[in-house]
Amino acid sequence: MHILVVRDIAIIVLALESIVIGVVLALLLWQVRSLTRLLQEEIKPILDSARQTVGTVKGTTNLVSETIVSPAIKVGSLFAGVRRTWEVIWGLKPKTRDK
């Protein structure tokens, strides 16, 4: 008789444990669904905005490189070549920088 009571109590405990696990699993699935919705509705627009900003920055750097940096380098190299030619023609020594 004692074993039958222990068996019945164990069955009841296992049934309650199964119910609790089922409820916790349902809550976990609900949280995963909420996280998925958050990623789609909140994070995706932020990433799209960041991607657009990166494209704008890339275009700006290309524009600055083509319109300012490249011409400045060309002008600087032209003046360096003219100065060196002038030094060679007139036999001048290039100026050394003292540190």
C-alpha atoms as a PDB file:
ATOM      1  CA  MET A   1       0.000   0.000   0.000  1.00  0.00           C
ATOM      2  CA  HIS A   2       2.861   2.367   0.819  1.00  0.00           C
ATOM      3  CA  ILE A   3       4.438   1.899  -2.625  1.00  0.00           C
ATOM      4  CA  LEU A   4       1.168   2.737  -4.357  1.00  0.00           C
ATOM      5  CA  VAL A   5       0.939   6.066  -2.537  1.00  0.00           C
ATOM      6  CA  VAL A   6       4.561   6.941  -3.466  1.00  0.00           C
ATOM      7  CA  ARG A   7       3.828   5.995  -7.070  1.00  0.00           C
ATOM      8  CA  ASP A   8       0.729   8.197  -7.179  1.00  0.00           C
ATOM      9  CA  ILE A   9       2.613  11.150  -5.661  1.00  0.00           C
ATOM     10  CA  ALA A  10       5.460  10.696  -8.180  1.00  0.00           C
ATOM     11  CA  ILE A  11       2.963  10.683 -11.051  1.00  0.00           C
ATOM     12  CA  ILE A  12       1.346  13.868  -9.761  1.00  0.00           C
ATOM     13  CA  VAL A  13       4.744  15.562  -9.326  1.00  0.00           C
ATOM     14  CA  LEU A  14       5.824  14.574 -12.852  1.00  0.00           C
ATOM     15  CA  ALA A  15       2.521  15.836 -14.285  1.00  0.00           C
ATOM     16  CA  LEU A  16       2.912  19.199 -12.507  1.00  0.00           C
ATOM     17  CA  GLU A  17       6.535  19.398 -13.649  1.00  0.00           C
ATOM     18  CA  SER A  18       5.454  18.769 -17.244  1.00  0.00           C
ATOM     19  CA  ILE A  19       2.859  21.530 -17.004  1.00  0.00           C
ATOM     20  CA  VAL A  20       5.445  23.979 -15.614  1.00  0.00           C
ATOM     21  CA  ILE A  21       7.943  23.064 -18.342  1.00  0.00           C
ATOM     22  CA  GLY A  22       5.232  23.526 -20.986  1.00  0.00           C
ATOM     23  CA  VAL A  23       4.351  26.980 -19.647  1.00  0.00           C
ATOM     24  CA  VAL A  24       8.025  28.014 -19.487  1.00  0.00           C
ATOM     25  CA  LEU A  25       8.546  26.742 -23.045  1.00  0.00           C
ATOM     26  CA  ALA A  26       5.536  28.735 -24.249  1.00  0.00           C
ATOM     27  CA  LEU A  27       6.944  31.882 -22.584  1.00  0.00           C
ATOM     28  CA  LEU A  28      10.315  31.239 -24.194  1.00  0.00           C
ATOM     29  CA  LEU A  29       8.738  30.914 -27.631  1.00  0.00           C
ATOM     30  CA  TRP A  30       6.792  34.147 -27.030  1.00  0.00           C
ATOM     31  CA  GLN A  31      10.050  35.957 -26.143  1.00  0.00           C
ATOM     32  CA  VAL A  32      11.777  34.606 -29.265  1.00  0.00           C
ATOM     33  CA  ARG A  33       8.859  35.876 -31.351  1.00  0.00           C
ATOM     34  CA  SER A  34       9.093  39.285 -29.693  1.00  0.00           C
ATOM     35  CA  LEU A  35      12.846  39.410 -30.320  1.00  0.00           C
ATOM     36  CA  THR A  36      12.348  38.510 -33.969  1.00  0.00           C
ATOM     37  CA  ARG A  37       9.748  41.249 -34.356  1.00  0.00           C
ATOM     38  CA  LEU A  38      12.091  43.735 -32.648  1.00  0.00           C
ATOM     39  CA  LEU A  39      14.910  42.844 -35.017  1.00  0.00           C
ATOM     40  CA  GLN A  40      12.681  43.266 -38.062  1.00  0.00           C
ATOM     41  CA  GLU A  41      10.954  46.477 -37.012  1.00  0.00           C
ATOM     42  CA  GLU A  42      13.629  48.333 -35.024  1.00  0.00           C
ATOM     43  CA  ILE A  43      17.102  47.111 -35.914  1.00  0.00           C
ATOM     44  CA  LYS A  44      16.624  46.699 -39.681  1.00  0.00           C
ATOM     45  CA  PRO A  45      15.755  50.394 -40.272  1.00  0.00           C
ATOM     46  CA  ILE A  46      18.774  51.415 -38.191  1.00  0.00           C
ATOM     47  CA  LEU A  47      21.025  49.180 -40.273  1.00  0.00           C
ATOM     48  CA  ASP A  48      19.526  50.525 -43.498  1.00  0.00           C
ATOM     49  CA  SER A  49      20.186  54.082 -42.300  1.00  0.00           C
ATOM     50  CA  ALA A  50      23.756  53.186 -41.385  1.00  0.00           C
ATOM     51  CA  ARG A  51      24.268  51.593 -44.800  1.00  0.00           C
ATOM     52  CA  GLN A  52      22.954  54.749 -46.500  1.00  0.00           C
ATOM     53  CA  THR A  53      25.254  56.921 -44.370  1.00  0.00           C
ATOM     54  CA  VAL A  54      28.258  54.796 -45.304  1.00  0.00           C
ATOM     55  CA  GLY A  55      27.364  55.210 -48.983  1.00  0.00           C
ATOM     56  CA  THR A  56      27.123  58.971 -48.552  1.00  0.00           C
ATOM     57  CA  VAL A  57      30.476  59.133 -46.781  1.00  0.00           C
ATOM     58  CA  LYS A  58      32.049  56.995 -49.491  1.00  0.00           C
ATOM     59  CA  GLY A  59      30.730  59.315 -52.204  1.00  0.00           C
ATOM     60  CA  THR A  60      31.942  62.377 -50.310  1.00  0.00           C
ATOM     61  CA  THR A  61      35.436  60.976 -49.877  1.00  0.00           C
ATOM     62  CA  ASN A  62      35.619  60.124 -53.570  1.00  0.00           C
ATOM     63  CA  LEU A  63      34.501  63.645 -54.481  1.00  0.00           C
ATOM     64  CA  VAL A  64      37.038  65.274 -52.148  1.00  0.00           C
ATOM     65  CA  SER A  65      39.771  62.984 -53.426  1.00  0.00           C
ATOM     66  CA  GLU A  66      39.031  63.782 -57.065  1.00  0.00           C
ATOM     67  CA  THR A  67      38.463  67.539 -56.705  1.00  0.00           C
ATOM     68  CA  ILE A  68      40.913  68.586 -53.984  1.00  0.00           C
ATOM     69  CA  VAL A  69      43.537  65.988 -53.126  1.00  0.00           C
ATOM     70  CA  SER A  70      44.531  64.816 -56.598  1.00  0.00           C
ATOM     71  CA  PRO A  71      44.923  68.339 -58.054  1.00  0.00           C
ATOM     72  CA  ALA A  72      46.887  69.436 -54.971  1.00  0.00           C
ATOM     73  CA  ILE A  73      49.265  66.496 -55.387  1.00  0.00           C
ATOM     74  CA  LYS A  74      49.709  67.259 -59.079  1.00  0.00           C
ATOM     75  CA  VAL A  75      50.435  70.944 -58.402  1.00  0.00           C
ATOM     76  CA  GLY A  76      52.835  70.066 -55.588  1.00  0.00           C
ATOM     77  CA  SER A  77      54.730  67.583 -57.722  1.00  0.00           C
ATOM     78  CA  LEU A  78      54.880  70.091 -60.595  1.00  0.00           C
ATOM     79  CA  PHE A  79      56.413  72.740 -58.333  1.00  0.00           C
ATOM     80  CA  ALA A  80      58.860  70.196 -56.899  1.00  0.00           C
ATOM     81  CA  GLY A  81      59.930  69.241 -60.414  1.00  0.00           C
ATOM     82  CA  VAL A  82      60.336  72.904 -61.446  1.00  0.00           C
ATOM     83  CA  ARG A  83      62.358  73.648 -58.308  1.00  0.00           C
ATOM     84  CA  ARG A  84      64.617  70.644 -58.857  1.00  0.00           C
ATOM     85  CA  THR A  85      65.068  71.558 -62.526  1.00  0.00           C
ATOM     86  CA  TRP A  86      65.996  75.095 -61.470  1.00  0.00           C
ATOM     87  CA  GLU A  87      68.540  73.709 -58.977  1.00  0.00           C
ATOM     88  CA  VAL A  88      70.121  71.440 -61.591  1.00  0.00           C
ATOM     89  CA  ILE A  89      70.306  74.166 -64.266  1.00  0.00           C
ATOM     90  CA  TRP A  90      71.848  76.764 -61.968  1.00  0.00           C
ATOM     91  CA  GLY A  91      74.015  74.296 -60.053  1.00  0.00           C
ATOM     92  CA  LEU A  92      72.416  75.008 -56.705  1.00  0.00           C
ATOM     93  CA  LYS A  93      72.440  72.553 -53.850  1.00  0.00           C
ATOM     94  CA  PRO A  94      69.074  71.540 -52.515  1.00  0.00           C
ATOM     95  CA  LYS A  95      68.227  73.019 -49.128  1.00  0.00           C
ATOM     96  CA  THR A  96      68.554  70.573 -46.262  1.00  0.00           C
ATOM     97  CA  ARG A  97      66.254  70.674 -43.348  1.00  0.00           C
ATOM     98  CA  ASP A  98      67.852  70.842 -39.907  1.00  0.00           C
ATOM     99  CA  LYS A  99      66.017  68.921 -37.248  1.00  0.00           C
END
